[in-house]
Amino acid sequence: MEQSQGRVAVNKREKARFEITLGELAAAGKANNTVYKAVGKAFIMSTVPTLTAEINTKVLMCDNEIATAARQMTQFEESIKATEHELQTFH
């Protein structure tokens, strides 16, 4: 349960960071603007549309991971409730 909560928190932080970057890219303006993305200690030249598409894909991946972790937490909670109910009826 704690692991799923941790995954949700990490992915929410990453998604927020990506959304800030998307806002900065939108402010960069023109589609032909050259931007640089960090890859380790190096920087790679890219265009605004290309980098925007990459980041949008990462945002979707974060959304999917958050949804998966939330489903796992729900299933775990339901399992705990079912087990508690079984124990109560056993006594």
PDB file of N, CA and C in Angstrom:
ATOM      1  N   MET A   1       0.834  -1.186   0.000  1.00  0.00           N
ATOM      2  CA  MET A   1       0.000   0.000   0.000  1.00  0.00           C
ATOM      3  C   MET A   1       0.876   1.246   0.000  1.00  0.00           C
ATOM      4  N   GLU A   2       1.875   1.268   0.889  1.00  0.00           N
ATOM      5  CA  GLU A   2       2.765   2.426   0.962  1.00  0.00           C
ATOM      6  C   GLU A   2       3.559   2.577  -0.334  1.00  0.00           C
ATOM      7  N   GLN A   3       3.909   1.445  -0.937  1.00  0.00           N
ATOM      8  CA  GLN A   3       4.649   1.482  -2.187  1.00  0.00           C
ATOM      9  C   GLN A   3       3.799   2.128  -3.288  1.00  0.00           C
ATOM     10  N   SER A   4       2.528   1.777  -3.351  1.00  0.00           N
ATOM     11  CA  SER A   4       1.630   2.368  -4.348  1.00  0.00           C
ATOM     12  C   SER A   4       1.445   3.856  -4.093  1.00  0.00           C
ATOM     13  N   GLN A   5       1.305   4.233  -2.831  1.00  0.00           N
ATOM     14  CA  GLN A   5       1.171   5.653  -2.495  1.00  0.00           C
ATOM     15  C   GLN A   5       2.425   6.414  -2.893  1.00  0.00           C
ATOM     16  N   GLY A   6       3.583   5.799  -2.696  1.00  0.00           N
ATOM     17  CA  GLY A   6       4.841   6.417  -3.084  1.00  0.00           C
ATOM     18  C   GLY A   6       4.934   6.600  -4.595  1.00  0.00           C
ATOM     19  N   ARG A   7       4.487   5.575  -5.340  1.00  0.00           N
ATOM     20  CA  ARG A   7       4.503   5.667  -6.799  1.00  0.00           C
ATOM     21  C   ARG A   7       3.586   6.788  -7.280  1.00  0.00           C
ATOM     22  N   VAL A   8       2.429   6.930  -6.637  1.00  0.00           N
ATOM     23  CA  VAL A   8       1.498   7.999  -7.013  1.00  0.00           C
ATOM     24  C   VAL A   8       2.150   9.354  -6.759  1.00  0.00           C
ATOM     25  N   ALA A   9       2.762   9.514  -5.599  1.00  0.00           N
ATOM     26  CA  ALA A   9       3.390  10.796  -5.255  1.00  0.00           C
ATOM     27  C   ALA A   9       4.524  11.139  -6.220  1.00  0.00           C
ATOM     28  N   VAL A  10       5.367  10.154  -6.544  1.00  0.00           N
ATOM     29  CA  VAL A  10       6.485  10.390  -7.459  1.00  0.00           C
ATOM     30  C   VAL A  10       5.969  10.783  -8.835  1.00  0.00           C
ATOM     31  N   ASN A  11       4.967  10.078  -9.318  1.00  0.00           N
ATOM     32  CA  ASN A  11       4.441  10.367 -10.646  1.00  0.00           C
ATOM     33  C   ASN A  11       3.714  11.710 -10.697  1.00  0.00           C
ATOM     34  N   LYS A  12       3.072  12.097  -9.619  1.00  0.00           N
ATOM     35  CA  LYS A  12       2.423  13.414  -9.584  1.00  0.00           C
ATOM     36  C   LYS A  12       3.466  14.524  -9.642  1.00  0.00           C
ATOM     37  N   ARG A  13       4.592  14.327  -8.923  1.00  0.00           N
ATOM     38  CA  ARG A  13       5.664  15.325  -8.966  1.00  0.00           C
ATOM     39  C   ARG A  13       6.265  15.421 -10.368  1.00  0.00           C
ATOM     40  N   GLU A  14       6.516  14.258 -10.993  1.00  0.00           N
ATOM     41  CA  GLU A  14       7.065  14.258 -12.347  1.00  0.00           C
ATOM     42  C   GLU A  14       6.110  14.922 -13.328  1.00  0.00           C
ATOM     43  N   LYS A  15       4.824  14.609 -13.197  1.00  0.00           N
ATOM     44  CA  LYS A  15       3.831  15.195 -14.095  1.00  0.00           C
ATOM     45  C   LYS A  15       3.807  16.712 -13.931  1.00  0.00           C
ATOM     46  N   ALA A  16       3.867  17.192 -12.708  1.00  0.00           N
ATOM     47  CA  ALA A  16       3.874  18.638 -12.466  1.00  0.00           C
ATOM     48  C   ALA A  16       5.107  19.277 -13.101  1.00  0.00           C
ATOM     49  N   ARG A  17       6.251  18.613 -12.984  1.00  0.00           N
ATOM     50  CA  ARG A  17       7.481  19.123 -13.588  1.00  0.00           C
ATOM     51  C   ARG A  17       7.362  19.177 -15.110  1.00  0.00           C
ATOM     52  N   PHE A  18       6.785  18.125 -15.705  1.00  0.00           N
ATOM     53  CA  PHE A  18       6.582  18.099 -17.151  1.00  0.00           C
ATOM     54  C   PHE A  18       5.633  19.201 -17.597  1.00  0.00           C
ATOM     55  N   GLU A  19       4.579  19.438 -16.811  1.00  0.00           N
ATOM     56  CA  GLU A  19       3.611  20.468 -17.179  1.00  0.00           C
ATOM     57  C   GLU A  19       4.239  21.868 -17.109  1.00  0.00           C
ATOM     58  N   ILE A  20       5.132  22.081 -16.166  1.00  0.00           N
ATOM     59  CA  ILE A  20       5.854  23.355 -16.105  1.00  0.00           C
ATOM     60  C   ILE A  20       6.706  23.520 -17.367  1.00  0.00           C
ATOM     61  N   THR A  21       7.383  22.449 -17.754  1.00  0.00           N
ATOM     62  CA  THR A  21       8.212  22.494 -18.959  1.00  0.00           C
ATOM     63  C   THR A  21       7.360  22.752 -20.194  1.00  0.00           C
ATOM     64  N   LEU A  22       6.177  22.136 -20.261  1.00  0.00           N
ATOM     65  CA  LEU A  22       5.281  22.376 -21.394  1.00  0.00           C
ATOM     66  C   LEU A  22       4.875  23.846 -21.462  1.00  0.00           C
ATOM     67  N   GLY A  23       4.626  24.440 -20.315  1.00  0.00           N
ATOM     68  CA  GLY A  23       4.290  25.865 -20.268  1.00  0.00           C
ATOM     69  C   GLY A  23       5.441  26.725 -20.772  1.00  0.00           C
ATOM     70  N   GLU A  24       6.656  26.357 -20.392  1.00  0.00           N
ATOM     71  CA  GLU A  24       7.825  27.095 -20.864  1.00  0.00           C
ATOM     72  C   GLU A  24       8.010  26.928 -22.367  1.00  0.00           C
ATOM     73  N   LEU A  25       7.739  25.723 -22.874  1.00  0.00           N
ATOM     74  CA  LEU A  25       7.846  25.501 -24.318  1.00  0.00           C
ATOM     75  C   LEU A  25       6.796  26.304 -25.075  1.00  0.00           C
ATOM     76  N   ALA A  26       5.605  26.399 -24.504  1.00  0.00           N
ATOM     77  CA  ALA A  26       4.544  27.183 -25.145  1.00  0.00           C
ATOM     78  C   ALA A  26       4.952  28.654 -25.198  1.00  0.00           C
ATOM     79  N   ALA A  27       5.631  29.109 -24.165  1.00  0.00           N
ATOM     80  CA  ALA A  27       6.086  30.499 -24.136  1.00  0.00           C
ATOM     81  C   ALA A  27       7.233  30.729 -25.117  1.00  0.00           C
ATOM     82  N   ALA A  28       7.939  29.642 -25.479  1.00  0.00           N
ATOM     83  CA  ALA A  28       9.043  29.767 -26.435  1.00  0.00           C
ATOM     84  C   ALA A  28       8.531  30.197 -27.795  1.00  0.00           C
ATOM     85  N   GLY A  29       7.268  29.885 -28.048  1.00  0.00           N
ATOM     86  CA  GLY A  29       6.628  30.440 -29.231  1.00  0.00           C
ATOM     87  C   GLY A  29       6.723  29.600 -30.474  1.00  0.00           C
ATOM     88  N   LYS A  30       7.370  30.155 -31.472  1.00  0.00           N
ATOM     89  CA  LYS A  30       7.343  29.629 -32.824  1.00  0.00           C
ATOM     90  C   LYS A  30       7.741  28.157 -32.906  1.00  0.00           C
ATOM     91  N   ALA A  31       7.131  27.477 -33.867  1.00  0.00           N
ATOM     92  CA  ALA A  31       7.389  26.053 -34.060  1.00  0.00           C
ATOM     93  C   ALA A  31       8.806  25.785 -34.547  1.00  0.00           C
ATOM     94  N   ASN A  32       9.448  26.783 -35.151  1.00  0.00           N
ATOM     95  CA  ASN A  32      10.788  26.541 -35.667  1.00  0.00           C
ATOM     96  C   ASN A  32      11.881  26.943 -34.675  1.00  0.00           C
ATOM     97  N   ASN A  33      11.492  27.315 -33.462  1.00  0.00           N
ATOM     98  CA  ASN A  33      12.485  27.641 -32.441  1.00  0.00           C
ATOM     99  C   ASN A  33      13.288  26.406 -32.088  1.00  0.00           C
ATOM    100  N   THR A  34      14.564  26.589 -31.921  1.00  0.00           N
ATOM    101  CA  THR A  34      15.434  25.505 -31.501  1.00  0.00           C
ATOM    102  C   THR A  34      15.514  25.532 -29.982  1.00  0.00           C
ATOM    103  N   VAL A  35      15.375  24.365 -29.387  1.00  0.00           N
ATOM    104  CA  VAL A  35      15.496  24.226 -27.941  1.00  0.00           C
ATOM    105  C   VAL A  35      16.482  23.097 -27.674  1.00  0.00           C
ATOM    106  N   TYR A  36      16.931  23.013 -26.451  1.00  0.00           N
ATOM    107  CA  TYR A  36      17.877  21.973 -26.074  1.00  0.00           C
ATOM    108  C   TYR A  36      17.302  21.196 -24.904  1.00  0.00           C
ATOM    109  N   LYS A  37      17.452  19.875 -24.966  1.00  0.00           N
ATOM    110  CA  LYS A  37      17.006  19.056 -23.836  1.00  0.00           C
ATOM    111  C   LYS A  37      18.224  18.396 -23.215  1.00  0.00           C
ATOM    112  N   ALA A  38      18.200  18.282 -21.906  1.00  0.00           N
ATOM    113  CA  ALA A  38      19.310  17.684 -21.187  1.00  0.00           C
ATOM    114  C   ALA A  38      19.206  16.170 -21.253  1.00  0.00           C
ATOM    115  N   VAL A  39      20.327  15.555 -21.584  1.00  0.00           N
ATOM    116  CA  VAL A  39      20.440  14.094 -21.582  1.00  0.00           C
ATOM    117  C   VAL A  39      21.710  13.783 -20.808  1.00  0.00           C
ATOM    118  N   GLY A  40      21.539  13.470 -19.542  1.00  0.00           N
ATOM    119  CA  GLY A  40      22.707  13.289 -18.693  1.00  0.00           C
ATOM    120  C   GLY A  40      23.427  14.609 -18.530  1.00  0.00           C
ATOM    121  N   LYS A  41      24.699  14.639 -18.906  1.00  0.00           N
ATOM    122  CA  LYS A  41      25.482  15.865 -18.810  1.00  0.00           C
ATOM    123  C   LYS A  41      25.539  16.609 -20.137  1.00  0.00           C
ATOM    124  N   ALA A  42      24.896  16.046 -21.146  1.00  0.00           N
ATOM    125  CA  ALA A  42      24.929  16.656 -22.484  1.00  0.00           C
ATOM    126  C   ALA A  42      23.588  17.304 -22.800  1.00  0.00           C
ATOM    127  N   PHE A  43      23.576  18.108 -23.840  1.00  0.00           N
ATOM    128  CA  PHE A  43      22.353  18.732 -24.326  1.00  0.00           C
ATOM    129  C   PHE A  43      22.173  18.370 -25.787  1.00  0.00           C
ATOM    130  N   ILE A  44      20.949  18.058 -26.157  1.00  0.00           N
ATOM    131  CA  ILE A  44      20.635  17.684 -27.527  1.00  0.00           C
ATOM    132  C   ILE A  44      19.691  18.725 -28.107  1.00  0.00           C
ATOM    133  N   MET A  45      20.021  19.193 -29.313  1.00  0.00           N
ATOM    134  CA  MET A  45      19.182  20.179 -29.977  1.00  0.00           C
ATOM    135  C   MET A  45      17.916  19.508 -30.487  1.00  0.00           C
ATOM    136  N   SER A  46      16.802  20.210 -30.349  1.00  0.00           N
ATOM    137  CA  SER A  46      15.504  19.699 -30.777  1.00  0.00           C
ATOM    138  C   SER A  46      14.643  20.887 -31.199  1.00  0.00           C
ATOM    139  N   THR A  47      13.449  20.587 -31.680  1.00  0.00           N
ATOM    140  CA  THR A  47      12.502  21.652 -32.001  1.00  0.00           C
ATOM    141  C   THR A  47      11.401  21.654 -30.955  1.00  0.00           C
ATOM    142  N   VAL A  48      10.696  22.753 -30.868  1.00  0.00           N
ATOM    143  CA  VAL A  48       9.616  22.874 -29.881  1.00  0.00           C
ATOM    144  C   VAL A  48       8.557  21.786 -30.085  1.00  0.00           C
ATOM    145  N   PRO A  49       8.059  21.548 -31.324  1.00  0.00           N
ATOM    146  CA  PRO A  49       7.026  20.514 -31.495  1.00  0.00           C
ATOM    147  C   PRO A  49       7.507  19.111 -31.112  1.00  0.00           C
ATOM    148  N   THR A  50       8.756  18.797 -31.452  1.00  0.00           N
ATOM    149  CA  THR A  50       9.293  17.472 -31.119  1.00  0.00           C
ATOM    150  C   THR A  50       9.385  17.283 -29.615  1.00  0.00           C
ATOM    151  N   LEU A  51       9.947  18.257 -28.939  1.00  0.00           N
ATOM    152  CA  LEU A  51      10.098  18.160 -27.491  1.00  0.00           C
ATOM    153  C   LEU A  51       8.741  18.174 -26.793  1.00  0.00           C
ATOM    154  N   THR A  52       7.810  18.963 -27.315  1.00  0.00           N
ATOM    155  CA  THR A  52       6.459  18.999 -26.744  1.00  0.00           C
ATOM    156  C   THR A  52       5.799  17.629 -26.861  1.00  0.00           C
ATOM    157  N   ALA A  53       5.944  16.982 -28.006  1.00  0.00           N
ATOM    158  CA  ALA A  53       5.362  15.653 -28.200  1.00  0.00           C
ATOM    159  C   ALA A  53       5.981  14.638 -27.237  1.00  0.00           C
ATOM    160  N   GLU A  54       7.297  14.705 -27.059  1.00  0.00           N
ATOM    161  CA  GLU A  54       7.975  13.790 -26.128  1.00  0.00           C
ATOM    162  C   GLU A  54       7.462  13.985 -24.702  1.00  0.00           C
ATOM    163  N   ILE A  55       7.333  15.227 -24.300  1.00  0.00           N
ATOM    164  CA  ILE A  55       6.894  15.510 -22.932  1.00  0.00           C
ATOM    165  C   ILE A  55       5.426  15.124 -22.749  1.00  0.00           C
ATOM    166  N   ASN A  56       4.586  15.363 -23.759  1.00  0.00           N
ATOM    167  CA  ASN A  56       3.181  14.939 -23.664  1.00  0.00           C
ATOM    168  C   ASN A  56       3.082  13.431 -23.495  1.00  0.00           C
ATOM    169  N   THR A  57       3.952  12.678 -24.172  1.00  0.00           N
ATOM    170  CA  THR A  57       3.979  11.227 -24.015  1.00  0.00           C
ATOM    171  C   THR A  57       4.353  10.860 -22.578  1.00  0.00           C
ATOM    172  N   LYS A  58       5.325  11.561 -22.014  1.00  0.00           N
ATOM    173  CA  LYS A  58       5.732  11.296 -20.629  1.00  0.00           C
ATOM    174  C   LYS A  58       4.613  11.630 -19.647  1.00  0.00           C
ATOM    175  N   VAL A  59       3.861  12.689 -19.926  1.00  0.00           N
ATOM    176  CA  VAL A  59       2.728  13.050 -19.064  1.00  0.00           C
ATOM    177  C   VAL A  59       1.685  11.939 -19.094  1.00  0.00           C
ATOM    178  N   LEU A  60       1.405  11.407 -20.287  1.00  0.00           N
ATOM    179  CA  LEU A  60       0.444  10.299 -20.396  1.00  0.00           C
ATOM    180  C   LEU A  60       0.940   9.067 -19.645  1.00  0.00           C
ATOM    181  N   MET A  61       2.238   8.798 -19.722  1.00  0.00           N
ATOM    182  CA  MET A  61       2.795   7.661 -18.987  1.00  0.00           C
ATOM    183  C   MET A  61       2.622   7.863 -17.483  1.00  0.00           C
ATOM    184  N   CYS A  62       2.827   9.085 -17.000  1.00  0.00           N
ATOM    185  CA  CYS A  62       2.623   9.379 -15.574  1.00  0.00           C
ATOM    186  C   CYS A  62       1.158   9.175 -15.195  1.00  0.00           C
ATOM    187  N   ASP A  63       0.246   9.651 -16.047  1.00  0.00           N
ATOM    188  CA  ASP A  63      -1.188   9.466 -15.781  1.00  0.00           C
ATOM    189  C   ASP A  63      -1.534   7.980 -15.694  1.00  0.00           C
ATOM    190  N   ASN A  64      -0.988   7.185 -16.607  1.00  0.00           N
ATOM    191  CA  ASN A  64      -1.254   5.746 -16.594  1.00  0.00           C
ATOM    192  C   ASN A  64      -0.704   5.085 -15.340  1.00  0.00           C
ATOM    193  N   GLU A  65       0.487   5.478 -14.936  1.00  0.00           N
ATOM    194  CA  GLU A  65       1.094   4.916 -13.735  1.00  0.00           C
ATOM    195  C   GLU A  65       0.301   5.306 -12.486  1.00  0.00           C
ATOM    196  N   ILE A  66      -0.173   6.548 -12.433  1.00  0.00           N
ATOM    197  CA  ILE A  66      -0.990   6.994 -11.300  1.00  0.00           C
ATOM    198  C   ILE A  66      -2.281   6.187 -11.234  1.00  0.00           C
ATOM    199  N   ALA A  67      -2.912   5.991 -12.389  1.00  0.00           N
ATOM    200  CA  ALA A  67      -4.161   5.225 -12.429  1.00  0.00           C
ATOM    201  C   ALA A  67      -3.936   3.778 -12.008  1.00  0.00           C
ATOM    202  N   THR A  68      -2.838   3.186 -12.468  1.00  0.00           N
ATOM    203  CA  THR A  68      -2.528   1.800 -12.102  1.00  0.00           C
ATOM    204  C   THR A  68      -2.293   1.673 -10.600  1.00  0.00           C
ATOM    205  N   ALA A  69      -1.513   2.583 -10.047  1.00  0.00           N
ATOM    206  CA  ALA A  69      -1.235   2.537  -8.612  1.00  0.00           C
ATOM    207  C   ALA A  69      -2.511   2.768  -7.809  1.00  0.00           C
ATOM    208  N   ALA A  70      -3.373   3.658  -8.280  1.00  0.00           N
ATOM    209  CA  ALA A  70      -4.639   3.910  -7.573  1.00  0.00           C
ATOM    210  C   ALA A  70      -5.521   2.664  -7.595  1.00  0.00           C
ATOM    211  N   ARG A  71      -5.561   1.968  -8.732  1.00  0.00           N
ATOM    212  CA  ARG A  71      -6.345   0.717  -8.812  1.00  0.00           C
ATOM    213  C   ARG A  71      -5.784  -0.325  -7.856  1.00  0.00           C
ATOM    214  N   GLN A  72      -4.457  -0.429  -7.793  1.00  0.00           N
ATOM    215  CA  GLN A  72      -3.833  -1.391  -6.889  1.00  0.00           C
ATOM    216  C   GLN A  72      -4.155  -1.066  -5.432  1.00  0.00           C
ATOM    217  N   MET A  73      -4.149   0.222  -5.090  1.00  0.00           N
ATOM    218  CA  MET A  73      -4.485   0.608  -3.715  1.00  0.00           C
ATOM    219  C   MET A  73      -5.938   0.258  -3.404  1.00  0.00           C
ATOM    220  N   THR A  74      -6.835   0.497  -4.367  1.00  0.00           N
ATOM    221  CA  THR A  74      -8.246   0.177  -4.175  1.00  0.00           C
ATOM    222  C   THR A  74      -8.432  -1.320  -3.987  1.00  0.00           C
ATOM    223  N   GLN A  75      -7.773  -2.120  -4.814  1.00  0.00           N
ATOM    224  CA  GLN A  75      -7.871  -3.573  -4.698  1.00  0.00           C
ATOM    225  C   GLN A  75      -7.323  -4.055  -3.363  1.00  0.00           C
ATOM    226  N   PHE A  76      -6.233  -3.458  -2.916  1.00  0.00           N
ATOM    227  CA  PHE A  76      -5.639  -3.827  -1.644  1.00  0.00           C
ATOM    228  C   PHE A  76      -6.580  -3.493  -0.488  1.00  0.00           C
ATOM    229  N   GLU A  77      -7.184  -2.300  -0.548  1.00  0.00           N
ATOM    230  CA  GLU A  77      -8.128  -1.906   0.499  1.00  0.00           C
ATOM    231  C   GLU A  77      -9.334  -2.833   0.527  1.00  0.00           C
ATOM    232  N   GLU A  78      -9.845  -3.205  -0.644  1.00  0.00           N
ATOM    233  CA  GLU A  78     -10.980  -4.125  -0.710  1.00  0.00           C
ATOM    234  C   GLU A  78     -10.602  -5.490  -0.158  1.00  0.00           C
ATOM    235  N   SER A  79      -9.392  -5.928  -0.441  1.00  0.00           N
ATOM    236  CA  SER A  79      -8.918  -7.206   0.078  1.00  0.00           C
ATOM    237  C   SER A  79      -8.827  -7.175   1.602  1.00  0.00           C
ATOM    238  N   ILE A  80      -8.345  -6.065   2.140  1.00  0.00           N
ATOM    239  CA  ILE A  80      -8.251  -5.921   3.605  1.00  0.00           C
ATOM    240  C   ILE A  80      -9.646  -5.961   4.219  1.00  0.00           C
ATOM    241  N   LYS A  81     -10.594  -5.247   3.625  1.00  0.00           N
ATOM    242  CA  LYS A  81     -11.959  -5.231   4.153  1.00  0.00           C
ATOM    243  C   LYS A  81     -12.586  -6.619   4.104  1.00  0.00           C
ATOM    244  N   ALA A  82     -12.356  -7.344   3.006  1.00  0.00           N
ATOM    245  CA  ALA A  82     -12.912  -8.695   2.887  1.00  0.00           C
ATOM    246  C   ALA A  82     -12.306  -9.618   3.930  1.00  0.00           C
ATOM    247  N   THR A  83     -11.009  -9.495   4.150  1.00  0.00           N
ATOM    248  CA  THR A  83     -10.343 -10.333   5.146  1.00  0.00           C
ATOM    249  C   THR A  83     -10.844  -9.997   6.546  1.00  0.00           C
ATOM    250  N   GLU A  84     -11.007  -8.712   6.845  1.00  0.00           N
ATOM    251  CA  GLU A  84     -11.524  -8.313   8.152  1.00  0.00           C
ATOM    252  C   GLU A  84     -12.936  -8.843   8.356  1.00  0.00           C
ATOM    253  N   HIS A  85     -13.747  -8.789   7.308  1.00  0.00           N
ATOM    254  CA  HIS A  85     -15.118  -9.290   7.399  1.00  0.00           C
ATOM    255  C   HIS A  85     -15.118 -10.805   7.666  1.00  0.00           C
ATOM    256  N   GLU A  86     -14.240 -11.522   6.968  1.00  0.00           N
ATOM    257  CA  GLU A  86     -14.134 -12.970   7.182  1.00  0.00           C
ATOM    258  C   GLU A  86     -13.701 -13.290   8.601  1.00  0.00           C
ATOM    259  N   LEU A  87     -12.767 -12.519   9.130  1.00  0.00           N
ATOM    260  CA  LEU A  87     -12.313 -12.748  10.498  1.00  0.00           C
ATOM    261  C   LEU A  87     -13.413 -12.472  11.513  1.00  0.00           C
ATOM    262  N   GLN A  88     -14.224 -11.432  11.256  1.00  0.00           N
ATOM    263  CA  GLN A  88     -15.313 -11.101  12.165  1.00  0.00           C
ATOM    264  C   GLN A  88     -16.385 -12.198  12.143  1.00  0.00           C
ATOM    265  N   THR A  89     -16.671 -12.728  10.984  1.00  0.00           N
ATOM    266  CA  THR A  89     -17.680 -13.781  10.909  1.00  0.00           C
ATOM    267  C   THR A  89     -17.147 -15.100  11.430  1.00  0.00           C
ATOM    268  N   PHE A  90     -15.844 -15.269  11.463  1.00  0.00           N
ATOM    269  CA  PHE A  90     -15.239 -16.489  11.968  1.00  0.00           C
ATOM    270  C   PHE A  90     -15.393 -16.599  13.474  1.00  0.00           C
ATOM    271  N   HIS A  91     -15.343 -15.455  14.159  1.00  0.00           N
ATOM    272  CA  HIS A  91     -15.482 -15.471  15.626  1.00  0.00           C
ATOM    273  C   HIS A  91     -16.886 -15.706  15.942  1.00  0.00           C
TER     274      HIS A  91
END
